[in-house]
C-alpha atoms as a PDB file:
ATOM      1  CA  MET A   1       4.991 -70.640 -42.461  1.00  0.00           C
ATOM      2  CA  TYR A   2       2.200 -70.238 -39.936  1.00  0.00           C
ATOM      3  CA  TYR A   3       0.181 -72.836 -41.834  1.00  0.00           C
ATOM      4  CA  PHE A   4       2.692 -75.490 -40.766  1.00  0.00           C
ATOM      5  CA  ILE A   5       2.833 -74.093 -37.254  1.00  0.00           C
ATOM      6  CA  SER A   6      -0.902 -74.469 -36.794  1.00  0.00           C
ATOM      7  CA  SER A   7      -0.792 -77.965 -38.270  1.00  0.00           C
ATOM      8  CA  LEU A   8       2.002 -79.057 -35.936  1.00  0.00           C
ATOM      9  CA  SER A   9       0.151 -77.548 -32.961  1.00  0.00           C
ATOM     10  CA  PHE A  10      -2.984 -79.482 -33.912  1.00  0.00           C
ATOM     11  CA  ILE A  11      -1.017 -82.739 -34.187  1.00  0.00           C
ATOM     12  CA  ASP A  12       0.627 -82.197 -30.783  1.00  0.00           C
ATOM     13  CA  LEU A  13      -2.696 -81.371 -29.185  1.00  0.00           C
ATOM     14  CA  ARG A  14      -4.456 -84.424 -30.598  1.00  0.00           C
ATOM     15  CA  ARG A  15      -1.577 -86.759 -29.771  1.00  0.00           C
ATOM     16  CA  SER A  16      -1.507 -85.530 -26.187  1.00  0.00           C
ATOM     17  CA  THR A  17      -5.289 -85.915 -25.980  1.00  0.00           C
ATOM     18  CA  VAL A  18      -5.013 -89.550 -27.059  1.00  0.00           C
ATOM     19  CA  ILE A  19      -2.638 -90.372 -24.185  1.00  0.00           C
ATOM     20  CA  THR A  20      -2.935 -87.884 -21.344  1.00  0.00           C
ATOM     21  CA  PRO A  21      -6.615 -88.178 -20.233  1.00  0.00           C
ATOM     22  CA  LYS A  22      -6.409 -91.916 -19.625  1.00  0.00           C
ATOM     23  CA  MET A  23      -3.034 -91.560 -17.976  1.00  0.00           C
ATOM     24  CA  LEU A  24      -4.424 -88.929 -15.558  1.00  0.00           C
ATOM     25  CA  VAL A  25      -7.400 -91.148 -14.743  1.00  0.00           C
ATOM     26  CA  ASN A  26      -5.014 -93.976 -13.928  1.00  0.00           C
ATOM     27  CA  PHE A  27      -3.244 -91.762 -11.423  1.00  0.00           C
ATOM     28  CA  VAL A  28      -6.382 -91.354  -9.297  1.00  0.00           C
ATOM     29  CA  THR A  29      -7.993 -94.769  -9.663  1.00  0.00           C
ATOM     30  CA  GLU A  30      -7.090 -97.873  -7.708  1.00  0.00           C
ATOM     31  CA  LYS A  31      -7.375-100.242 -10.663  1.00  0.00           C
ATOM     32  CA  ASN A  32      -6.077 -99.178 -14.055  1.00  0.00           C
ATOM     33  CA  ILE A  33      -8.268-101.069 -16.475  1.00  0.00           C
ATOM     34  CA  ILE A  34      -8.803-100.535 -20.200  1.00  0.00           C
ATOM     35  CA  SER A  35     -10.760-102.689 -22.606  1.00  0.00           C
ATOM     36  CA  TYR A  36      -9.278-104.284 -25.709  1.00  0.00           C
ATOM     37  CA  PRO A  37     -11.271-102.022 -28.113  1.00  0.00           C
ATOM     38  CA  GLU A  38     -10.130 -98.929 -26.169  1.00  0.00           C
ATOM     39  CA  CYS A  39      -6.568-100.217 -26.378  1.00  0.00           C
ATOM     40  CA  MET A  40      -6.727-100.614 -30.150  1.00  0.00           C
ATOM     41  CA  THR A  41      -8.380 -97.193 -30.537  1.00  0.00           C
ATOM     42  CA  GLN A  42      -5.700 -95.478 -28.508  1.00  0.00           C
ATOM     43  CA  LEU A  43      -2.978 -97.282 -30.474  1.00  0.00           C
ATOM     44  CA  TYR A  44      -4.532 -96.335 -33.833  1.00  0.00           C
ATOM     45  CA  PHE A  45      -4.901 -92.640 -33.146  1.00  0.00           C
ATOM     46  CA  PHE A  46      -1.521 -92.405 -31.419  1.00  0.00           C
ATOM     47  CA  LEU A  47       0.124 -93.889 -34.542  1.00  0.00           C
ATOM     48  CA  ILE A  48      -1.776 -91.491 -36.837  1.00  0.00           C
ATOM     49  CA  PHE A  49      -0.565 -88.372 -35.024  1.00  0.00           C
ATOM     50  CA  ALA A  50       2.934 -89.664 -34.198  1.00  0.00           C
ATOM     51  CA  ILE A  51       3.618 -90.576 -37.850  1.00  0.00           C
ATOM     52  CA  ALA A  52       2.086 -87.295 -38.992  1.00  0.00           C
ATOM     53  CA  GLU A  53       4.428 -85.368 -36.705  1.00  0.00           C
ATOM     54  CA  CYS A  54       7.453 -87.162 -38.157  1.00  0.00           C
ATOM     55  CA  HIS A  55       6.624 -85.926 -41.626  1.00  0.00           C
ATOM     56  CA  MET A  56       5.377 -82.534 -40.450  1.00  0.00           C
ATOM     57  CA  LEU A  57       8.740 -81.777 -38.857  1.00  0.00           C
ATOM     58  CA  ALA A  58      10.384 -82.617 -42.170  1.00  0.00           C
ATOM     59  CA  ALA A  59       7.933 -80.326 -43.988  1.00  0.00           C
ATOM     60  CA  MET A  60       8.766 -77.536 -41.598  1.00  0.00           C
ATOM     61  CA  ALA A  61      12.506 -78.006 -42.227  1.00  0.00           C
ATOM     62  CA  TYR A  62      11.853 -77.681 -45.968  1.00  0.00           C
ATOM     63  CA  ASP A  63       9.719 -74.606 -45.240  1.00  0.00           C
ATOM     64  CA  HIS A  64      12.621 -73.069 -43.260  1.00  0.00           C
ATOM     65  CA  TYR A  65      14.982 -73.884 -46.142  1.00  0.00           C
ATOM     66  CA  ILE A  66      12.824 -72.031 -48.656  1.00  0.00           C
ATOM     67  CA  ALA A  67      12.274 -69.085 -46.265  1.00  0.00           C
ATOM     68  CA  ILE A  68      16.011 -68.618 -45.657  1.00  0.00           C
ATOM     69  CA  CYS A  69      17.590 -69.648 -48.949  1.00  0.00           C
ATOM     70  CA  SER A  70      14.966 -68.316 -51.392  1.00  0.00           C
ATOM     71  CA  PRO A  71      12.899 -65.751 -49.517  1.00  0.00           C
ATOM     72  CA  LEU A  72      11.800 -63.919 -52.650  1.00  0.00           C
ATOM     73  CA  LEU A  73      10.385 -67.115 -54.126  1.00  0.00           C
ATOM     74  CA  TYR A  74       8.733 -68.320 -50.914  1.00  0.00           C
ATOM     75  CA  ASP A  75       5.188 -67.333 -51.870  1.00  0.00           C
ATOM     76  CA  VAL A  76       5.603 -69.012 -55.242  1.00  0.00           C
ATOM     77  CA  ILE A  77       7.168 -72.275 -54.070  1.00  0.00           C
ATOM     78  CA  VAL A  78       5.159 -72.644 -50.861  1.00  0.00           C
ATOM     79  CA  SER A  79       1.862 -71.612 -52.358  1.00  0.00           C
ATOM     80  CA  PRO A  80      -1.490 -72.343 -50.679  1.00  0.00           C
ATOM     81  CA  GLU A  81      -2.004 -75.214 -53.130  1.00  0.00           C
ATOM     82  CA  ALA A  82       1.425 -76.656 -52.351  1.00  0.00           C
ATOM     83  CA  ARG A  83       0.786 -76.413 -48.615  1.00  0.00           C
ATOM     84  CA  PHE A  84      -2.571 -78.118 -48.956  1.00  0.00           C
ATOM     85  CA  TYR A  85      -1.229 -81.042 -50.975  1.00  0.00           C
ATOM     86  CA  LEU A  86       1.738 -81.402 -48.649  1.00  0.00           C
ATOM     87  CA  ILE A  87      -0.487 -81.559 -45.554  1.00  0.00           C
ATOM     88  CA  PHE A  88      -2.889 -83.909 -47.381  1.00  0.00           C
ATOM     89  CA  GLY A  89       0.006 -86.192 -48.279  1.00  0.00           C
ATOM     90  CA  ILE A  90       1.244 -86.241 -44.666  1.00  0.00           C
ATOM     91  CA  TYR A  91      -2.123 -87.309 -43.280  1.00  0.00           C
ATOM     92  CA  THR A  92      -2.562 -89.861 -46.030  1.00  0.00           C
ATOM     93  CA  ILE A  93       0.741 -91.477 -45.179  1.00  0.00           C
ATOM     94  CA  SER A  94      -0.058 -91.490 -41.475  1.00  0.00           C
ATOM     95  CA  LEU A  95      -3.474 -93.034 -42.061  1.00  0.00           C
ATOM     96  CA  VAL A  96      -2.047 -95.805 -44.294  1.00  0.00           C
ATOM     97  CA  CYS A  97       0.753 -96.653 -41.881  1.00  0.00           C
ATOM     98  CA  ALA A  98      -1.476 -96.559 -38.790  1.00  0.00           C
ATOM     99  CA  SER A  99      -4.108 -98.738 -40.494  1.00  0.00           C
ATOM    100  CA  ALA A 100      -1.483-101.260 -41.553  1.00  0.00           C
ATOM    101  CA  HIS A 101       0.022-101.499 -38.056  1.00  0.00           C
ATOM    102  CA  THR A 102      -3.362-101.765 -36.318  1.00  0.00           C
ATOM    103  CA  GLY A 103      -4.647-104.295 -38.849  1.00  0.00           C
ATOM    104  CA  CYS A 104      -1.646-106.525 -38.328  1.00  0.00           C
ATOM    105  CA  ILE A 105      -2.102-106.351 -34.548  1.00  0.00           C
ATOM    106  CA  PHE A 106      -5.492-108.091 -34.932  1.00  0.00           C
ATOM    107  CA  ARG A 107      -3.751-111.184 -36.289  1.00  0.00           C
ATOM    108  CA  VAL A 108      -1.689-111.523 -33.103  1.00  0.00           C
ATOM    109  CA  HIS A 109      -2.922-113.831 -30.320  1.00  0.00           C
ATOM    110  CA  PHE A 110      -2.392-112.490 -26.805  1.00  0.00           C
ATOM    111  CA  CYS A 111      -2.171-115.344 -24.334  1.00  0.00           C
ATOM    112  CA  LYS A 112      -0.855-113.320 -21.357  1.00  0.00           C
ATOM    113  CA  PHE A 113      -2.554-109.998 -21.925  1.00  0.00           C
ATOM    114  CA  ASP A 114      -2.870-108.940 -18.288  1.00  0.00           C
ATOM    115  CA  VAL A 115      -0.705-106.068 -17.026  1.00  0.00           C
ATOM    116  CA  ILE A 116       1.225-103.775 -19.343  1.00  0.00           C
ATOM    117  CA  ASN A 117       4.263-102.072 -17.876  1.00  0.00           C
ATOM    118  CA  HIS A 118       3.655 -98.792 -19.714  1.00  0.00           C
ATOM    119  CA  TYR A 119       1.604 -95.632 -19.442  1.00  0.00           C
ATOM    120  CA  PHE A 120      -0.027 -96.053 -22.862  1.00  0.00           C
ATOM    121  CA  PHE A 121      -0.467 -98.746 -25.515  1.00  0.00           C
ATOM    122  CA  ASP A 122       2.466 -98.802 -27.912  1.00  0.00           C
ATOM    123  CA  LEU A 123       3.349-101.373 -30.549  1.00  0.00           C
ATOM    124  CA  PRO A 124       6.466-102.848 -28.865  1.00  0.00           C
ATOM    125  CA  SER A 125       4.671-103.101 -25.501  1.00  0.00           C
ATOM    126  CA  LEU A 126       1.762-104.977 -27.073  1.00  0.00           C
ATOM    127  CA  LEU A 127       3.963-107.335 -29.082  1.00  0.00           C
ATOM    128  CA  ASN A 128       5.684-108.441 -25.890  1.00  0.00           C
ATOM    129  CA  PHE A 129       2.440-110.097 -24.828  1.00  0.00           C
ATOM    130  CA  SER A 130       2.010-112.178 -27.975  1.00  0.00           C
ATOM    131  CA  CYS A 131       2.043-115.989 -27.853  1.00  0.00           C
ATOM    132  CA  SER A 132       2.005-116.207 -31.667  1.00  0.00           C
ATOM    133  CA  SER A 133       4.586-115.192 -34.202  1.00  0.00           C
ATOM    134  CA  THR A 134       5.200-111.438 -34.409  1.00  0.00           C
ATOM    135  CA  TYR A 135       7.653-111.620 -37.325  1.00  0.00           C
ATOM    136  CA  VAL A 136       5.315-109.785 -39.710  1.00  0.00           C
ATOM    137  CA  ASN A 137       4.532-107.104 -37.134  1.00  0.00           C
ATOM    138  CA  GLU A 138       8.191-106.501 -36.272  1.00  0.00           C
ATOM    139  CA  LEU A 139       9.120-106.435 -39.960  1.00  0.00           C
ATOM    140  CA  LEU A 140       6.373-103.892 -40.583  1.00  0.00           C
ATOM    141  CA  VAL A 141       7.580-101.797 -37.658  1.00  0.00           C
ATOM    142  CA  LEU A 142      11.123-101.748 -39.021  1.00  0.00           C
ATOM    143  CA  ILE A 143      10.068-100.969 -42.605  1.00  0.00           C
ATOM    144  CA  PHE A 144       7.603 -98.220 -41.726  1.00  0.00           C
ATOM    145  CA  SER A 145       9.912 -96.807 -39.045  1.00  0.00           C
ATOM    146  CA  ALA A 146      12.701 -96.547 -41.599  1.00  0.00           C
ATOM    147  CA  PHE A 147      10.309 -94.712 -43.944  1.00  0.00           C
ATOM    148  CA  THR A 148       8.826 -92.590 -41.135  1.00  0.00           C
ATOM    149  CA  ILE A 149      12.043 -91.777 -39.263  1.00  0.00           C
ATOM    150  CA  LEU A 150      14.970 -92.145 -41.629  1.00  0.00           C
ATOM    151  CA  ALA A 151      13.410 -90.571 -44.730  1.00  0.00           C
ATOM    152  CA  PRO A 152      12.216 -87.389 -42.926  1.00  0.00           C
ATOM    153  CA  SER A 153      15.589 -87.270 -41.115  1.00  0.00           C
ATOM    154  CA  LEU A 154      17.414 -87.188 -44.448  1.00  0.00           C
ATOM    155  CA  THR A 155      15.048 -84.474 -45.670  1.00  0.00           C
ATOM    156  CA  ILE A 156      15.741 -82.416 -42.576  1.00  0.00           C
ATOM    157  CA  LEU A 157      19.495 -83.004 -42.826  1.00  0.00           C
ATOM    158  CA  GLY A 158      19.564 -81.963 -46.459  1.00  0.00           C
ATOM    159  CA  SER A 159      17.477 -78.835 -45.739  1.00  0.00           C
ATOM    160  CA  TYR A 160      19.759 -77.717 -42.928  1.00  0.00           C
ATOM    161  CA  VAL A 161      22.903 -78.335 -44.943  1.00  0.00           C
ATOM    162  CA  PHE A 162      21.676 -75.725 -47.407  1.00  0.00           C
ATOM    163  CA  ILE A 163      20.481 -73.507 -44.556  1.00  0.00           C
ATOM    164  CA  VAL A 164      23.907 -73.573 -42.910  1.00  0.00           C
ATOM    165  CA  ALA A 165      25.541 -72.746 -46.241  1.00  0.00           C
ATOM    166  CA  SER A 166      23.153 -69.768 -46.588  1.00  0.00           C
ATOM    167  CA  ILE A 167      23.890 -68.622 -43.024  1.00  0.00           C
ATOM    168  CA  LEU A 168      27.618 -68.745 -43.770  1.00  0.00           C
ATOM    169  CA  ARG A 169      27.016 -66.439 -46.709  1.00  0.00           C
ATOM    170  CA  ILE A 170      25.105 -64.147 -44.370  1.00  0.00           C
ATOM    171  CA  LEU A 171      28.066 -64.178 -42.003  1.00  0.00           C
ATOM    172  CA  ARG A 172      30.395 -63.144 -44.803  1.00  0.00           C
ATOM    173  CA  ILE A 173      28.307 -60.052 -45.564  1.00  0.00           C
ATOM    174  CA  HIS A 174      28.108 -59.211 -41.822  1.00  0.00           C
ATOM    175  CA  SER A 175      24.337 -59.059 -41.620  1.00  0.00           C
ATOM    176  CA  THR A 176      23.695 -59.304 -37.881  1.00  0.00           C
ATOM    177  CA  GLU A 177      19.943 -59.041 -38.265  1.00  0.00           C
ATOM    178  CA  GLY A 178      19.737 -61.747 -40.934  1.00  0.00           C
ATOM    179  CA  ARG A 179      22.074 -63.984 -38.969  1.00  0.00           C
ATOM    180  CA  SER A 180      20.089 -63.723 -35.713  1.00  0.00           C
ATOM    181  CA  LYS A 181      16.778 -64.232 -37.524  1.00  0.00           C
ATOM    182  CA  ALA A 182      18.046 -67.367 -39.263  1.00  0.00           C
ATOM    183  CA  PHE A 183      19.463 -68.877 -36.059  1.00  0.00           C
ATOM    184  CA  SER A 184      16.317 -68.097 -34.030  1.00  0.00           C
ATOM    185  CA  MET A 185      14.175 -69.735 -36.715  1.00  0.00           C
ATOM    186  CA  CYS A 186      16.206 -72.947 -36.820  1.00  0.00           C
ATOM    187  CA  SER A 187      17.867 -73.597 -33.453  1.00  0.00           C
ATOM    188  CA  SER A 188      14.766 -74.658 -31.477  1.00  0.00           C
ATOM    189  CA  HIS A 189      13.443 -76.676 -34.391  1.00  0.00           C
ATOM    190  CA  ILE A 190      16.753 -78.569 -34.617  1.00  0.00           C
ATOM    191  CA  LEU A 191      16.569 -79.290 -30.861  1.00  0.00           C
ATOM    192  CA  ALA A 192      13.017 -80.615 -31.120  1.00  0.00           C
ATOM    193  CA  VAL A 193      13.859 -82.692 -34.193  1.00  0.00           C
ATOM    194  CA  THR A 194      16.952 -84.206 -32.525  1.00  0.00           C
ATOM    195  CA  ILE A 195      15.043 -85.235 -29.414  1.00  0.00           C
ATOM    196  CA  PHE A 196      12.007 -86.491 -31.291  1.00  0.00           C
ATOM    197  CA  TYR A 197      13.753 -88.548 -33.934  1.00  0.00           C
ATOM    198  CA  GLY A 198      16.505 -89.740 -31.571  1.00  0.00           C
ATOM    199  CA  SER A 199      14.060 -91.079 -28.952  1.00  0.00           C
ATOM    200  CA  ALA A 200      11.741 -92.526 -31.615  1.00  0.00           C
ATOM    201  CA  ALA A 201      14.603 -94.284 -33.394  1.00  0.00           C
ATOM    202  CA  PHE A 202      15.826 -95.663 -30.088  1.00  0.00           C
ATOM    203  CA  ARG A 203      12.353 -97.038 -29.450  1.00  0.00           C
ATOM    204  CA  TYR A 204      11.386 -98.440 -32.846  1.00  0.00           C
ATOM    205  CA  LEU A 205      14.590 -99.108 -34.820  1.00  0.00           C
ATOM    206  CA  GLN A 206      15.863-101.920 -32.664  1.00  0.00           C
ATOM    207  CA  PRO A 207      14.693-105.534 -32.334  1.00  0.00           C
ATOM    208  CA  SER A 208      12.387-106.380 -29.458  1.00  0.00           C
ATOM    209  CA  SER A 209      14.991-108.901 -28.198  1.00  0.00           C
ATOM    210  CA  VAL A 210      17.423-106.117 -27.266  1.00  0.00           C
ATOM    211  CA  SER A 211      14.921-103.484 -26.076  1.00  0.00           C
ATOM    212  CA  SER A 212      13.560-103.236 -22.562  1.00  0.00           C
ATOM    213  CA  MET A 213      10.232-101.884 -21.339  1.00  0.00           C
ATOM    214  CA  ASP A 214      11.833 -99.426 -18.922  1.00  0.00           C
ATOM    215  CA  GLN A 215      13.978 -97.943 -21.686  1.00  0.00           C
ATOM    216  CA  GLY A 216      10.862 -97.727 -23.862  1.00  0.00           C
ATOM    217  CA  LYS A 217       9.020 -95.773 -21.217  1.00  0.00           C
ATOM    218  CA  VAL A 218      11.875 -93.331 -20.814  1.00  0.00           C
ATOM    219  CA  SER A 219      12.288 -92.744 -24.552  1.00  0.00           C
ATOM    220  CA  SER A 220       8.527 -92.349 -25.035  1.00  0.00           C
ATOM    221  CA  VAL A 221       8.510 -89.586 -22.407  1.00  0.00           C
ATOM    222  CA  PHE A 222      10.830 -87.581 -24.665  1.00  0.00           C
ATOM    223  CA  TYR A 223       8.760 -87.810 -27.866  1.00  0.00           C
ATOM    224  CA  ASN A 224       5.341 -87.668 -26.159  1.00  0.00           C
ATOM    225  CA  ILE A 225       5.878 -84.987 -23.502  1.00  0.00           C
ATOM    226  CA  ILE A 226       9.129 -83.053 -23.956  1.00  0.00           C
ATOM    227  CA  VAL A 227       8.926 -82.486 -27.703  1.00  0.00           C
ATOM    228  CA  PRO A 228       5.383 -81.006 -27.666  1.00  0.00           C
ATOM    229  CA  MET A 229       6.639 -78.500 -25.081  1.00  0.00           C
ATOM    230  CA  LEU A 230       9.562 -77.547 -27.374  1.00  0.00           C
ATOM    231  CA  ASN A 231       7.556 -77.268 -30.574  1.00  0.00           C
ATOM    232  CA  PRO A 232       5.982 -73.872 -29.750  1.00  0.00           C
ATOM    233  CA  ARG A 233       9.551 -72.571 -29.340  1.00  0.00           C
ATOM    234  CA  SER A 234      10.692 -74.303 -32.509  1.00  0.00           C
ATOM    235  CA  THR A 235       8.244 -72.284 -34.564  1.00  0.00           C
ATOM    236  CA  ALA A 236       9.048 -68.891 -33.027  1.00  0.00           C
END
């Protein structure tokens, strides 16, 4: 279990490192300027760690499911080899998706790339400055977002359906210790998952024609700032 905790902490730390230093510099400088290569670099690494966190939260839900529903088989099912391949698969998916998104951005022509009304470089905010067709980019965003947000969400939902059923069995045998341990393991994780996936879906699973930049900034605060503060509690 602590293997996934350390992995999630690493992802949160690196994702915050991608965004926060430049944001803090912008607070104390008169002109907030960033070059195009720096913009693409920030976007690429943000996508890597954001996508990795989506799948890591799903992996942690599965880990909780095994720990609560099959505790005696936990060391067999979640073996060191299984954990390694699971983490390897998560980072492979995030690298592929981030590379595809960033590669498709290079085909877009920016004719009014001047001032971005955002505190970091995100895909929707960049596509708003395009003077060429962004159909391929928006289609890619919807497809990968469905895979990155909806698929892990279904995994988490399925895991917690079985967890709730197991907790109800614990309630029937009046095990106060088991009940409190199960709730403490899952409650904070569910809260972090709800905020993260809810704000990310609001940001990415809607067409650019109906989304606004101000709404995007608000939703990004939730999955970039609030969720990393909740994740240490979600693994307690």
